[in-house]
Amino acid sequence: MLEKDLYRIAREKMVEKQIKARGIKDERVLKAMLKVPRHLFVDPSLIDQAYADHPLPIGSGQTISQPYIVALMTEALELRGNERVLEVGTGSGYQTAILAELALWVYTIEKYHQLLERAKKILIEKLGYKNISFKLGDGTLGWKEAAPFDAIIVTAGGPKVPQPLVDQLKEGGRIVIPVGNEDIQVLIKGIKKGGRLETTPLDGVKFVKLVGAYGFKE
């Protein structure tokens, strides 16, 4: 059997058992996760675990999130295809690819140069995405020049929702972010109404810490 077929089968199994079985229903999200080759985003030494039900280290003390959590966060953004999305924490670039499949444009910020360059290489050179803008810097400050955003996703846990992100979210826009201490967080979804966030808890999670001016200190 061809290697690409083995990966396709692994993706199908991942979507059926880890994602659909846990209640993710958005057909567009399921389709994106069936399509994006997750194995390209993990360390070659861990490629046999690329479609497993847990996060994996990607270097610089960061991780690629568990597939179910990627699906849960993405579904909560309610993307229909015409949105401009801000991603705080490019990391491996896997979540970025899923967003690029579902949104009009993705603006992604990464703190670590090495991770950003690696993600760029995979997303642009290998996979040919043309609807992603990249930035190196402090994601807790958002991306003022590109604001406002229809949706914002934060892939690291912070003590609270950074105010610049609330400010840069459109009225009616959605934000998904893990909030809590450095060891454990609650994944929350916020909808901006009347300039303020109305939040709903989604799940208990454990992410790497969100470091920056409106996050944790180094």
N, C-alpha and C. Protein backbone atom coordinates (compact mmCIF):
# COMPACT_ATOMS: atom_id res chain seq x y z
N MET A 1 0.85 -1.21 0.00
CA MET A 1 0.00 0.00 0.00
C MET A 1 0.88 1.25 0.00
N LEU A 2 0.48 2.24 -0.77
CA LEU A 2 1.25 3.48 -0.85
C LEU A 2 1.22 4.21 0.48
N GLU A 3 2.33 4.91 0.78
CA GLU A 3 2.45 5.66 2.03
C GLU A 3 1.31 6.68 2.18
N LYS A 4 0.97 7.37 1.06
CA LYS A 4 -0.08 8.39 1.13
C LYS A 4 -1.44 7.76 1.48
N ASP A 5 -1.66 6.52 1.04
CA ASP A 5 -2.90 5.82 1.39
C ASP A 5 -2.94 5.48 2.88
N LEU A 6 -1.80 5.10 3.42
CA LEU A 6 -1.73 4.79 4.86
C LEU A 6 -2.05 6.03 5.68
N TYR A 7 -1.53 7.18 5.26
CA TYR A 7 -1.82 8.43 5.97
C TYR A 7 -3.30 8.82 5.82
N ARG A 8 -3.85 8.59 4.64
CA ARG A 8 -5.27 8.90 4.42
C ARG A 8 -6.15 8.04 5.33
N ILE A 9 -5.81 6.76 5.44
CA ILE A 9 -6.56 5.85 6.31
C ILE A 9 -6.43 6.29 7.78
N ALA A 10 -5.21 6.69 8.15
CA ALA A 10 -4.98 7.17 9.53
C ALA A 10 -5.82 8.42 9.82
N ARG A 11 -5.93 9.31 8.82
CA ARG A 11 -6.75 10.52 8.99
C ARG A 11 -8.23 10.17 9.13
N GLU A 12 -8.68 9.23 8.30
CA GLU A 12 -10.08 8.82 8.36
C GLU A 12 -10.42 8.23 9.74
N LYS A 13 -9.51 7.40 10.24
CA LYS A 13 -9.70 6.78 11.57
C LYS A 13 -9.70 7.85 12.67
N MET A 14 -8.78 8.83 12.54
CA MET A 14 -8.69 9.93 13.51
C MET A 14 -10.02 10.70 13.56
N VAL A 15 -10.55 11.04 12.38
CA VAL A 15 -11.79 11.82 12.33
C VAL A 15 -12.97 11.02 12.89
N GLU A 16 -13.07 9.74 12.53
CA GLU A 16 -14.18 8.91 13.00
C GLU A 16 -14.13 8.69 14.52
N LYS A 17 -12.96 8.25 15.00
CA LYS A 17 -12.87 7.79 16.39
C LYS A 17 -12.58 8.89 17.41
N GLN A 18 -11.77 9.87 17.01
CA GLN A 18 -11.36 10.89 17.99
C GLN A 18 -12.22 12.15 17.93
N ILE A 19 -12.81 12.40 16.77
CA ILE A 19 -13.45 13.70 16.55
C ILE A 19 -14.98 13.58 16.43
N LYS A 20 -15.45 12.83 15.44
CA LYS A 20 -16.90 12.63 15.27
C LYS A 20 -17.49 11.95 16.51
N ALA A 21 -16.81 10.93 17.00
CA ALA A 21 -17.31 10.15 18.14
C ALA A 21 -17.47 11.00 19.40
N ARG A 22 -16.75 12.14 19.46
CA ARG A 22 -16.85 13.01 20.64
C ARG A 22 -17.76 14.21 20.41
N GLY A 23 -18.50 14.16 19.31
CA GLY A 23 -19.55 15.17 19.15
C GLY A 23 -19.27 16.35 18.25
N ILE A 24 -18.14 16.32 17.53
CA ILE A 24 -17.88 17.40 16.57
C ILE A 24 -18.74 17.14 15.33
N LYS A 25 -19.58 18.13 15.00
CA LYS A 25 -20.57 17.91 13.93
C LYS A 25 -20.36 18.78 12.69
N ASP A 26 -19.60 19.87 12.81
CA ASP A 26 -19.43 20.79 11.69
C ASP A 26 -18.75 20.07 10.52
N GLU A 27 -19.53 19.88 9.44
CA GLU A 27 -19.03 19.12 8.28
C GLU A 27 -17.79 19.76 7.65
N ARG A 28 -17.73 21.08 7.67
CA ARG A 28 -16.57 21.76 7.08
C ARG A 28 -15.30 21.49 7.89
N VAL A 29 -15.44 21.45 9.22
CA VAL A 29 -14.30 21.15 10.09
C VAL A 29 -13.84 19.70 9.86
N LEU A 30 -14.79 18.78 9.81
CA LEU A 30 -14.46 17.37 9.60
C LEU A 30 -13.75 17.17 8.25
N LYS A 31 -14.23 17.86 7.23
CA LYS A 31 -13.65 17.77 5.89
C LYS A 31 -12.20 18.30 5.87
N ALA A 32 -11.99 19.43 6.56
CA ALA A 32 -10.64 20.02 6.63
C ALA A 32 -9.68 19.07 7.35
N MET A 33 -10.16 18.43 8.40
CA MET A 33 -9.28 17.53 9.17
C MET A 33 -9.02 16.22 8.43
N LEU A 34 -9.92 15.87 7.52
CA LEU A 34 -9.67 14.70 6.65
C LEU A 34 -8.64 15.04 5.58
N LYS A 35 -8.59 16.30 5.22
CA LYS A 35 -7.72 16.72 4.11
C LYS A 35 -6.28 17.07 4.53
N VAL A 36 -6.13 17.81 5.62
CA VAL A 36 -4.79 18.35 5.97
C VAL A 36 -3.87 17.22 6.47
N PRO A 37 -2.68 17.08 5.84
CA PRO A 37 -1.75 16.01 6.21
C PRO A 37 -1.00 16.32 7.51
N ARG A 38 -1.59 15.93 8.62
CA ARG A 38 -1.03 16.24 9.95
C ARG A 38 0.40 15.73 10.12
N HIS A 39 0.73 14.63 9.46
CA HIS A 39 2.08 14.05 9.61
C HIS A 39 3.19 14.98 9.13
N LEU A 40 2.86 15.93 8.26
CA LEU A 40 3.88 16.89 7.80
C LEU A 40 4.29 17.87 8.89
N PHE A 41 3.43 18.04 9.90
CA PHE A 41 3.64 19.06 10.92
C PHE A 41 4.32 18.54 12.19
N VAL A 42 4.57 17.23 12.26
CA VAL A 42 5.22 16.69 13.46
C VAL A 42 6.68 16.38 13.17
N ASP A 43 7.46 16.24 14.24
CA ASP A 43 8.86 15.89 14.12
C ASP A 43 8.97 14.52 13.42
N PRO A 44 9.90 14.38 12.45
CA PRO A 44 10.02 13.10 11.75
C PRO A 44 10.16 11.88 12.67
N SER A 45 10.80 12.09 13.83
CA SER A 45 10.98 10.97 14.77
C SER A 45 9.67 10.54 15.43
N LEU A 46 8.63 11.39 15.33
CA LEU A 46 7.33 11.09 15.95
C LEU A 46 6.23 10.86 14.92
N ILE A 47 6.64 10.67 13.67
CA ILE A 47 5.66 10.61 12.58
C ILE A 47 4.65 9.46 12.75
N ASP A 48 5.08 8.38 13.42
CA ASP A 48 4.16 7.25 13.63
C ASP A 48 3.05 7.59 14.62
N GLN A 49 3.23 8.72 15.34
CA GLN A 49 2.21 9.15 16.31
C GLN A 49 1.40 10.36 15.80
N ALA A 50 1.62 10.74 14.55
CA ALA A 50 1.02 11.97 14.01
C ALA A 50 -0.50 12.02 14.16
N TYR A 51 -1.16 10.88 14.05
CA TYR A 51 -2.63 10.87 14.10
C TYR A 51 -3.17 10.30 15.42
N ALA A 52 -2.28 10.21 16.41
CA ALA A 52 -2.67 9.68 17.73
C ALA A 52 -3.45 10.73 18.52
N ASP A 53 -4.16 10.25 19.55
CA ASP A 53 -5.07 11.08 20.33
C ASP A 53 -4.38 11.83 21.47
N HIS A 54 -3.29 12.50 21.18
CA HIS A 54 -2.60 13.28 22.21
C HIS A 54 -1.71 14.34 21.55
N PRO A 55 -1.32 15.38 22.34
CA PRO A 55 -0.41 16.39 21.79
C PRO A 55 1.00 15.81 21.61
N LEU A 56 1.83 16.49 20.83
CA LEU A 56 3.21 16.06 20.61
C LEU A 56 4.15 17.26 20.69
N PRO A 57 5.38 17.06 21.19
CA PRO A 57 6.34 18.18 21.24
C PRO A 57 6.81 18.57 19.83
N ILE A 58 7.00 19.89 19.62
CA ILE A 58 7.46 20.36 18.30
C ILE A 58 8.73 21.21 18.41
N GLY A 59 9.33 21.25 19.62
CA GLY A 59 10.52 22.07 19.83
C GLY A 59 10.18 23.42 20.46
N SER A 60 11.19 24.11 20.98
CA SER A 60 11.03 25.41 21.64
C SER A 60 10.03 25.35 22.82
N GLY A 61 9.89 24.15 23.40
CA GLY A 61 8.99 23.97 24.54
C GLY A 61 7.51 24.04 24.17
N GLN A 62 7.21 23.91 22.86
CA GLN A 62 5.83 24.02 22.37
C GLN A 62 5.31 22.66 21.92
N THR A 63 4.00 22.59 21.66
CA THR A 63 3.39 21.32 21.24
C THR A 63 2.42 21.53 20.08
N ILE A 64 2.14 20.42 19.37
CA ILE A 64 1.04 20.38 18.41
C ILE A 64 -0.13 19.79 19.19
N SER A 65 -1.28 20.47 19.17
CA SER A 65 -2.41 20.05 19.99
C SER A 65 -3.01 18.72 19.53
N GLN A 66 -3.64 18.04 20.49
CA GLN A 66 -4.41 16.82 20.23
C GLN A 66 -5.46 17.12 19.14
N PRO A 67 -5.65 16.21 18.18
CA PRO A 67 -6.60 16.47 17.09
C PRO A 67 -8.00 16.90 17.56
N TYR A 68 -8.52 16.24 18.59
CA TYR A 68 -9.86 16.59 19.07
C TYR A 68 -9.95 18.05 19.53
N ILE A 69 -8.91 18.52 20.21
CA ILE A 69 -8.90 19.91 20.71
C ILE A 69 -8.84 20.89 19.54
N VAL A 70 -8.07 20.55 18.52
CA VAL A 70 -8.02 21.39 17.30
C VAL A 70 -9.42 21.49 16.70
N ALA A 71 -10.11 20.36 16.61
CA ALA A 71 -11.46 20.32 16.04
C ALA A 71 -12.45 21.10 16.90
N LEU A 72 -12.36 20.92 18.21
CA LEU A 72 -13.27 21.60 19.15
C LEU A 72 -13.12 23.12 19.05
N MET A 73 -11.88 23.59 19.08
CA MET A 73 -11.61 25.02 19.01
C MET A 73 -12.05 25.61 17.68
N THR A 74 -11.78 24.85 16.60
CA THR A 74 -12.13 25.33 15.27
C THR A 74 -13.65 25.40 15.09
N GLU A 75 -14.34 24.37 15.53
CA GLU A 75 -15.81 24.35 15.42
C GLU A 75 -16.42 25.54 16.17
N ALA A 76 -15.85 25.86 17.34
CA ALA A 76 -16.38 26.96 18.17
C ALA A 76 -16.26 28.32 17.48
N LEU A 77 -15.36 28.44 16.51
CA LEU A 77 -15.21 29.72 15.79
C LEU A 77 -16.33 29.96 14.79
N GLU A 78 -17.08 28.89 14.45
CA GLU A 78 -18.24 29.00 13.54
C GLU A 78 -17.86 29.62 12.20
N LEU A 79 -16.83 29.11 11.58
CA LEU A 79 -16.36 29.68 10.31
C LEU A 79 -17.22 29.21 9.13
N ARG A 80 -17.56 30.16 8.27
CA ARG A 80 -18.39 29.84 7.11
C ARG A 80 -17.66 30.06 5.78
N GLY A 81 -16.49 30.68 5.84
CA GLY A 81 -15.69 30.81 4.62
C GLY A 81 -15.33 32.22 4.22
N ASN A 82 -15.97 33.23 4.83
CA ASN A 82 -15.68 34.61 4.42
C ASN A 82 -15.00 35.41 5.54
N GLU A 83 -14.46 34.69 6.55
CA GLU A 83 -13.91 35.39 7.72
C GLU A 83 -12.41 35.67 7.61
N ARG A 84 -12.04 36.72 8.34
CA ARG A 84 -10.62 37.03 8.56
C ARG A 84 -10.33 36.61 9.99
N VAL A 85 -9.40 35.67 10.14
CA VAL A 85 -9.14 35.04 11.44
C VAL A 85 -7.73 35.37 11.93
N LEU A 86 -7.63 35.69 13.22
CA LEU A 86 -6.33 35.87 13.85
C LEU A 86 -6.01 34.62 14.67
N GLU A 87 -4.82 34.07 14.44
CA GLU A 87 -4.35 32.94 15.25
C GLU A 87 -3.16 33.40 16.07
N VAL A 88 -3.25 33.24 17.38
CA VAL A 88 -2.14 33.59 18.28
C VAL A 88 -1.43 32.29 18.65
N GLY A 89 -0.22 32.11 18.12
CA GLY A 89 0.55 30.89 18.34
C GLY A 89 0.50 29.97 17.13
N THR A 90 1.35 30.26 16.14
CA THR A 90 1.39 29.45 14.91
C THR A 90 1.83 28.03 15.23
N GLY A 91 2.84 27.91 16.10
CA GLY A 91 3.35 26.58 16.48
C GLY A 91 3.79 25.77 15.28
N SER A 92 3.26 24.56 15.16
CA SER A 92 3.64 23.67 14.06
C SER A 92 3.08 24.15 12.72
N GLY A 93 1.95 24.92 12.78
CA GLY A 93 1.28 25.35 11.57
C GLY A 93 0.08 24.48 11.22
N TYR A 94 -0.15 23.41 11.99
CA TYR A 94 -1.27 22.51 11.68
C TYR A 94 -2.62 23.20 11.86
N GLN A 95 -2.80 23.86 13.00
CA GLN A 95 -4.06 24.59 13.23
C GLN A 95 -4.23 25.69 12.16
N THR A 96 -3.13 26.31 11.78
CA THR A 96 -3.14 27.35 10.74
C THR A 96 -3.70 26.80 9.44
N ALA A 97 -3.25 25.59 9.08
CA ALA A 97 -3.71 24.95 7.84
C ALA A 97 -5.21 24.66 7.90
N ILE A 98 -5.68 24.17 9.03
CA ILE A 98 -7.11 23.89 9.19
C ILE A 98 -7.90 25.19 9.01
N LEU A 99 -7.42 26.28 9.61
CA LEU A 99 -8.10 27.58 9.48
C LEU A 99 -8.07 28.07 8.03
N ALA A 100 -6.94 27.87 7.37
CA ALA A 100 -6.80 28.33 5.98
C ALA A 100 -7.76 27.59 5.05
N GLU A 101 -8.13 26.37 5.40
CA GLU A 101 -9.11 25.60 4.63
C GLU A 101 -10.52 26.19 4.79
N LEU A 102 -10.75 26.85 5.94
CA LEU A 102 -12.12 27.23 6.32
C LEU A 102 -12.43 28.72 6.27
N ALA A 103 -11.41 29.56 6.23
CA ALA A 103 -11.61 31.01 6.31
C ALA A 103 -11.11 31.69 5.03
N LEU A 104 -11.49 32.96 4.90
CA LEU A 104 -11.02 33.75 3.76
C LEU A 104 -9.53 34.05 3.89
N TRP A 105 -9.12 34.48 5.11
CA TRP A 105 -7.71 34.83 5.34
C TRP A 105 -7.33 34.56 6.79
N VAL A 106 -6.12 34.06 6.98
CA VAL A 106 -5.61 33.77 8.32
C VAL A 106 -4.38 34.64 8.59
N TYR A 107 -4.41 35.34 9.71
CA TYR A 107 -3.27 36.13 10.19
C TYR A 107 -2.72 35.38 11.38
N THR A 108 -1.49 34.90 11.28
CA THR A 108 -0.96 34.07 12.37
C THR A 108 0.32 34.66 12.96
N ILE A 109 0.39 34.68 14.28
CA ILE A 109 1.54 35.27 15.01
C ILE A 109 2.24 34.19 15.81
N GLU A 110 3.56 34.17 15.73
CA GLU A 110 4.36 33.22 16.49
C GLU A 110 5.51 33.94 17.18
N LYS A 111 5.79 33.55 18.40
CA LYS A 111 6.83 34.17 19.22
C LYS A 111 8.23 33.63 18.88
N TYR A 112 8.29 32.36 18.44
CA TYR A 112 9.59 31.72 18.19
C TYR A 112 9.91 31.67 16.69
N HIS A 113 11.01 32.32 16.33
CA HIS A 113 11.42 32.45 14.93
C HIS A 113 11.55 31.10 14.23
N GLN A 114 12.18 30.16 14.91
CA GLN A 114 12.43 28.83 14.34
C GLN A 114 11.12 28.12 13.97
N LEU A 115 10.14 28.21 14.87
CA LEU A 115 8.84 27.58 14.61
C LEU A 115 8.11 28.27 13.45
N LEU A 116 8.18 29.59 13.43
CA LEU A 116 7.50 30.35 12.38
C LEU A 116 8.06 29.99 11.00
N GLU A 117 9.38 29.93 10.90
CA GLU A 117 10.01 29.63 9.61
C GLU A 117 9.68 28.22 9.14
N ARG A 118 9.66 27.28 10.09
CA ARG A 118 9.34 25.89 9.74
C ARG A 118 7.88 25.78 9.27
N ALA A 119 6.98 26.44 9.99
CA ALA A 119 5.56 26.42 9.61
C ALA A 119 5.34 27.04 8.23
N LYS A 120 6.03 28.16 7.99
CA LYS A 120 5.93 28.85 6.69
C LYS A 120 6.32 27.91 5.55
N LYS A 121 7.43 27.22 5.76
CA LYS A 121 7.95 26.31 4.75
C LYS A 121 6.91 25.23 4.39
N ILE A 122 6.29 24.66 5.41
CA ILE A 122 5.31 23.59 5.17
C ILE A 122 4.04 24.17 4.53
N LEU A 123 3.54 25.27 5.10
CA LEU A 123 2.27 25.83 4.64
C LEU A 123 2.34 26.43 3.25
N ILE A 124 3.44 27.11 2.95
CA ILE A 124 3.54 27.79 1.65
C ILE A 124 4.23 26.91 0.60
N GLU A 125 5.42 26.40 0.94
CA GLU A 125 6.18 25.64 -0.06
C GLU A 125 5.61 24.25 -0.31
N LYS A 126 5.27 23.53 0.77
CA LYS A 126 4.78 22.15 0.58
C LYS A 126 3.30 22.09 0.23
N LEU A 127 2.48 22.91 0.91
CA LEU A 127 1.03 22.78 0.75
C LEU A 127 0.41 23.88 -0.11
N GLY A 128 1.17 24.93 -0.38
CA GLY A 128 0.72 25.94 -1.35
C GLY A 128 -0.40 26.87 -0.91
N TYR A 129 -0.55 27.09 0.40
CA TYR A 129 -1.59 28.02 0.86
C TYR A 129 -1.23 29.45 0.45
N LYS A 130 -2.24 30.19 0.02
CA LYS A 130 -2.02 31.58 -0.43
C LYS A 130 -2.85 32.57 0.37
N ASN A 131 -3.51 32.10 1.43
CA ASN A 131 -4.38 32.99 2.22
C ASN A 131 -3.93 33.10 3.67
N ILE A 132 -2.60 33.12 3.87
CA ILE A 132 -2.04 33.22 5.23
C ILE A 132 -1.01 34.35 5.28
N SER A 133 -1.12 35.20 6.31
CA SER A 133 -0.08 36.21 6.58
C SER A 133 0.60 35.82 7.89
N PHE A 134 1.91 35.96 7.94
CA PHE A 134 2.70 35.54 9.10
C PHE A 134 3.34 36.73 9.79
N LYS A 135 3.46 36.62 11.11
CA LYS A 135 4.12 37.69 11.87
C LYS A 135 4.88 37.09 13.05
N LEU A 136 6.09 37.59 13.28
CA LEU A 136 6.88 37.18 14.44
C LEU A 136 6.67 38.22 15.53
N GLY A 137 6.28 37.79 16.72
CA GLY A 137 6.09 38.78 17.80
C GLY A 137 5.23 38.29 18.94
N ASP A 138 4.81 39.23 19.77
CA ASP A 138 4.00 38.95 20.96
C ASP A 138 2.53 38.88 20.56
N GLY A 139 2.01 37.68 20.54
CA GLY A 139 0.62 37.47 20.12
C GLY A 139 -0.42 38.08 21.05
N THR A 140 -0.05 38.33 22.31
CA THR A 140 -1.03 38.92 23.24
C THR A 140 -1.38 40.36 22.87
N LEU A 141 -0.56 40.96 22.00
CA LEU A 141 -0.83 42.33 21.53
C LEU A 141 -1.72 42.33 20.29
N GLY A 142 -1.97 41.13 19.75
CA GLY A 142 -2.77 41.02 18.54
C GLY A 142 -2.02 41.54 17.32
N TRP A 143 -2.79 41.93 16.30
CA TRP A 143 -2.22 42.41 15.03
C TRP A 143 -3.05 43.61 14.62
N LYS A 144 -2.71 44.74 15.23
CA LYS A 144 -3.52 45.97 15.11
C LYS A 144 -3.76 46.40 13.67
N GLU A 145 -2.72 46.32 12.84
CA GLU A 145 -2.82 46.80 11.45
C GLU A 145 -3.83 46.00 10.63
N ALA A 146 -4.06 44.74 11.02
CA ALA A 146 -4.97 43.88 10.25
C ALA A 146 -6.38 43.80 10.86
N ALA A 147 -6.54 44.34 12.07
CA ALA A 147 -7.83 44.28 12.78
C ALA A 147 -8.86 45.16 12.07
N PRO A 148 -10.17 44.93 12.30
CA PRO A 148 -10.74 43.94 13.22
C PRO A 148 -10.89 42.55 12.59
N PHE A 149 -11.01 41.54 13.46
CA PHE A 149 -11.12 40.15 13.02
C PHE A 149 -12.51 39.60 13.31
N ASP A 150 -12.94 38.68 12.44
CA ASP A 150 -14.22 38.00 12.66
C ASP A 150 -14.09 36.93 13.74
N ALA A 151 -12.89 36.37 13.83
CA ALA A 151 -12.66 35.30 14.81
C ALA A 151 -11.20 35.33 15.24
N ILE A 152 -10.96 34.94 16.50
CA ILE A 152 -9.60 34.87 17.04
C ILE A 152 -9.46 33.55 17.78
N ILE A 153 -8.34 32.86 17.53
CA ILE A 153 -8.04 31.61 18.24
C ILE A 153 -6.68 31.75 18.91
N VAL A 154 -6.61 31.35 20.17
CA VAL A 154 -5.35 31.45 20.93
C VAL A 154 -4.95 30.03 21.32
N THR A 155 -3.75 29.60 20.90
CA THR A 155 -3.34 28.22 21.11
C THR A 155 -2.33 28.07 22.25
N ALA A 156 -2.48 28.92 23.28
CA ALA A 156 -1.68 28.81 24.50
C ALA A 156 -2.54 29.35 25.64
N GLY A 157 -2.29 28.86 26.86
CA GLY A 157 -3.13 29.24 27.99
C GLY A 157 -2.64 30.48 28.70
N GLY A 158 -3.55 31.44 28.91
CA GLY A 158 -3.21 32.69 29.59
C GLY A 158 -4.01 32.87 30.87
N PRO A 159 -3.58 33.83 31.72
CA PRO A 159 -4.31 34.08 32.97
C PRO A 159 -5.69 34.70 32.74
N LYS A 160 -5.81 35.43 31.62
CA LYS A 160 -7.12 36.01 31.24
C LYS A 160 -7.10 36.31 29.75
N VAL A 161 -8.23 36.74 29.21
CA VAL A 161 -8.27 37.08 27.79
C VAL A 161 -7.54 38.42 27.60
N PRO A 162 -6.47 38.46 26.79
CA PRO A 162 -5.75 39.72 26.59
C PRO A 162 -6.68 40.82 26.02
N GLN A 163 -6.67 41.98 26.66
CA GLN A 163 -7.56 43.08 26.24
C GLN A 163 -7.36 43.50 24.78
N PRO A 164 -6.11 43.55 24.27
CA PRO A 164 -5.96 43.93 22.86
C PRO A 164 -6.72 42.99 21.91
N LEU A 165 -6.85 41.72 22.29
CA LEU A 165 -7.58 40.77 21.44
C LEU A 165 -9.07 41.06 21.46
N VAL A 166 -9.59 41.42 22.63
CA VAL A 166 -11.00 41.81 22.74
C VAL A 166 -11.25 43.06 21.88
N ASP A 167 -10.33 44.02 21.99
CA ASP A 167 -10.45 45.27 21.23
C ASP A 167 -10.42 45.04 19.72
N GLN A 168 -9.63 44.02 19.29
CA GLN A 168 -9.45 43.78 17.84
C GLN A 168 -10.48 42.80 17.26
N LEU A 169 -11.38 42.32 18.10
CA LEU A 169 -12.44 41.42 17.65
C LEU A 169 -13.65 42.24 17.20
N LYS A 170 -14.22 41.89 16.07
CA LYS A 170 -15.42 42.58 15.58
C LYS A 170 -16.59 42.36 16.52
N GLU A 171 -17.51 43.27 16.52
CA GLU A 171 -18.78 43.08 17.24
C GLU A 171 -19.45 41.81 16.66
N GLY A 172 -19.84 40.89 17.54
CA GLY A 172 -20.42 39.63 17.08
C GLY A 172 -19.39 38.56 16.76
N GLY A 173 -18.10 38.94 16.82
CA GLY A 173 -17.02 38.00 16.54
C GLY A 173 -16.81 37.00 17.66
N ARG A 174 -16.14 35.88 17.34
CA ARG A 174 -15.88 34.82 18.31
C ARG A 174 -14.40 34.71 18.63
N ILE A 175 -14.11 34.44 19.90
CA ILE A 175 -12.73 34.16 20.32
C ILE A 175 -12.74 32.86 21.12
N VAL A 176 -11.74 32.01 20.88
CA VAL A 176 -11.58 30.77 21.64
C VAL A 176 -10.18 30.79 22.24
N ILE A 177 -10.11 30.61 23.56
CA ILE A 177 -8.84 30.73 24.28
C ILE A 177 -8.86 29.90 25.57
N PRO A 178 -7.74 29.23 25.89
CA PRO A 178 -7.63 28.55 27.18
C PRO A 178 -7.26 29.59 28.26
N VAL A 179 -7.99 29.62 29.36
CA VAL A 179 -7.74 30.58 30.45
C VAL A 179 -7.59 29.83 31.77
N GLY A 180 -6.55 30.21 32.52
CA GLY A 180 -6.34 29.57 33.82
C GLY A 180 -4.93 29.82 34.32
N ASN A 181 -4.39 28.88 35.12
CA ASN A 181 -3.01 29.05 35.59
C ASN A 181 -2.06 28.29 34.65
N GLU A 182 -0.81 28.16 35.06
CA GLU A 182 0.18 27.55 34.15
C GLU A 182 0.01 26.04 34.01
N ASP A 183 -0.74 25.42 34.92
CA ASP A 183 -0.87 23.97 34.91
C ASP A 183 -2.16 23.46 34.28
N ILE A 184 -3.24 24.20 34.47
CA ILE A 184 -4.53 23.75 33.95
C ILE A 184 -5.40 24.94 33.58
N GLN A 185 -6.14 24.79 32.50
CA GLN A 185 -6.98 25.90 32.05
C GLN A 185 -8.37 25.38 31.64
N VAL A 186 -9.28 26.33 31.45
CA VAL A 186 -10.59 26.02 30.88
C VAL A 186 -10.62 26.67 29.51
N LEU A 187 -11.01 25.90 28.52
CA LEU A 187 -11.15 26.45 27.17
C LEU A 187 -12.46 27.22 27.13
N ILE A 188 -12.37 28.51 26.81
CA ILE A 188 -13.60 29.30 26.76
C ILE A 188 -13.85 29.86 25.36
N LYS A 189 -15.14 30.03 25.07
CA LYS A 189 -15.55 30.70 23.84
C LYS A 189 -16.19 32.02 24.24
N GLY A 190 -15.73 33.10 23.64
CA GLY A 190 -16.31 34.41 23.92
C GLY A 190 -16.93 34.99 22.66
N ILE A 191 -18.09 35.62 22.81
CA ILE A 191 -18.73 36.34 21.69
C ILE A 191 -18.81 37.81 22.10
N LYS A 192 -18.35 38.69 21.23
CA LYS A 192 -18.33 40.12 21.57
C LYS A 192 -19.71 40.74 21.34
N LYS A 193 -20.28 41.22 22.42
CA LYS A 193 -21.60 41.86 22.36
C LYS A 193 -21.55 43.17 23.13
N GLY A 194 -21.86 44.25 22.44
CA GLY A 194 -21.83 45.56 23.08
C GLY A 194 -20.45 45.92 23.60
N GLY A 195 -19.42 45.47 22.87
CA GLY A 195 -18.04 45.80 23.24
C GLY A 195 -17.45 44.91 24.32
N ARG A 196 -18.28 44.00 24.88
CA ARG A 196 -17.78 43.11 25.95
C ARG A 196 -17.90 41.65 25.50
N LEU A 197 -17.15 40.78 26.19
CA LEU A 197 -17.21 39.36 25.86
C LEU A 197 -18.22 38.63 26.72
N GLU A 198 -19.07 37.86 26.06
CA GLU A 198 -19.95 36.93 26.78
C GLU A 198 -19.31 35.56 26.61
N THR A 199 -18.92 34.93 27.72
CA THR A 199 -18.14 33.70 27.61
C THR A 199 -18.90 32.44 28.05
N THR A 200 -18.50 31.33 27.42
CA THR A 200 -19.04 30.00 27.74
C THR A 200 -17.86 29.05 27.88
N PRO A 201 -17.81 28.22 28.96
CA PRO A 201 -16.73 27.24 29.06
C PRO A 201 -16.99 26.05 28.12
N LEU A 202 -15.93 25.53 27.50
CA LEU A 202 -16.07 24.42 26.56
C LEU A 202 -15.52 23.11 27.12
N ASP A 203 -14.33 23.16 27.75
CA ASP A 203 -13.69 21.94 28.21
C ASP A 203 -12.49 22.28 29.09
N GLY A 204 -12.10 21.35 29.94
CA GLY A 204 -10.86 21.50 30.72
C GLY A 204 -9.69 21.11 29.82
N VAL A 205 -8.63 21.90 29.81
CA VAL A 205 -7.48 21.65 28.92
C VAL A 205 -6.17 21.96 29.62
N LYS A 206 -5.07 21.54 28.99
CA LYS A 206 -3.74 21.92 29.48
C LYS A 206 -2.89 22.30 28.27
N PHE A 207 -2.68 23.60 28.11
CA PHE A 207 -1.88 24.13 27.01
C PHE A 207 -0.54 24.65 27.54
N VAL A 208 0.41 24.86 26.64
CA VAL A 208 1.64 25.57 27.01
C VAL A 208 1.23 26.99 27.39
N LYS A 209 2.08 27.68 28.16
CA LYS A 209 1.65 29.00 28.64
C LYS A 209 1.79 30.10 27.58
N LEU A 210 0.82 31.01 27.64
CA LEU A 210 0.79 32.17 26.76
C LEU A 210 1.70 33.24 27.38
N VAL A 211 2.83 33.47 26.71
CA VAL A 211 3.82 34.41 27.24
C VAL A 211 3.72 35.73 26.48
N GLY A 212 3.71 36.83 27.21
CA GLY A 212 3.66 38.13 26.55
C GLY A 212 3.20 39.23 27.49
N ALA A 213 3.05 40.43 26.94
CA ALA A 213 2.67 41.59 27.74
C ALA A 213 1.34 41.39 28.46
N TYR A 214 0.41 40.65 27.84
CA TYR A 214 -0.91 40.41 28.45
C TYR A 214 -1.09 38.93 28.80
N GLY A 215 0.04 38.23 28.98
CA GLY A 215 0.00 36.82 29.35
C GLY A 215 0.90 36.58 30.53
N PHE A 216 1.52 35.41 30.59
CA PHE A 216 2.47 35.12 31.65
C PHE A 216 3.83 35.70 31.29
N LYS A 217 4.64 35.95 32.31
CA LYS A 217 6.02 36.39 32.07
C LYS A 217 6.83 35.16 31.63
N GLU A 218 7.97 35.41 30.98
CA GLU A 218 8.84 34.31 30.51
C GLU A 218 9.13 33.31 31.62
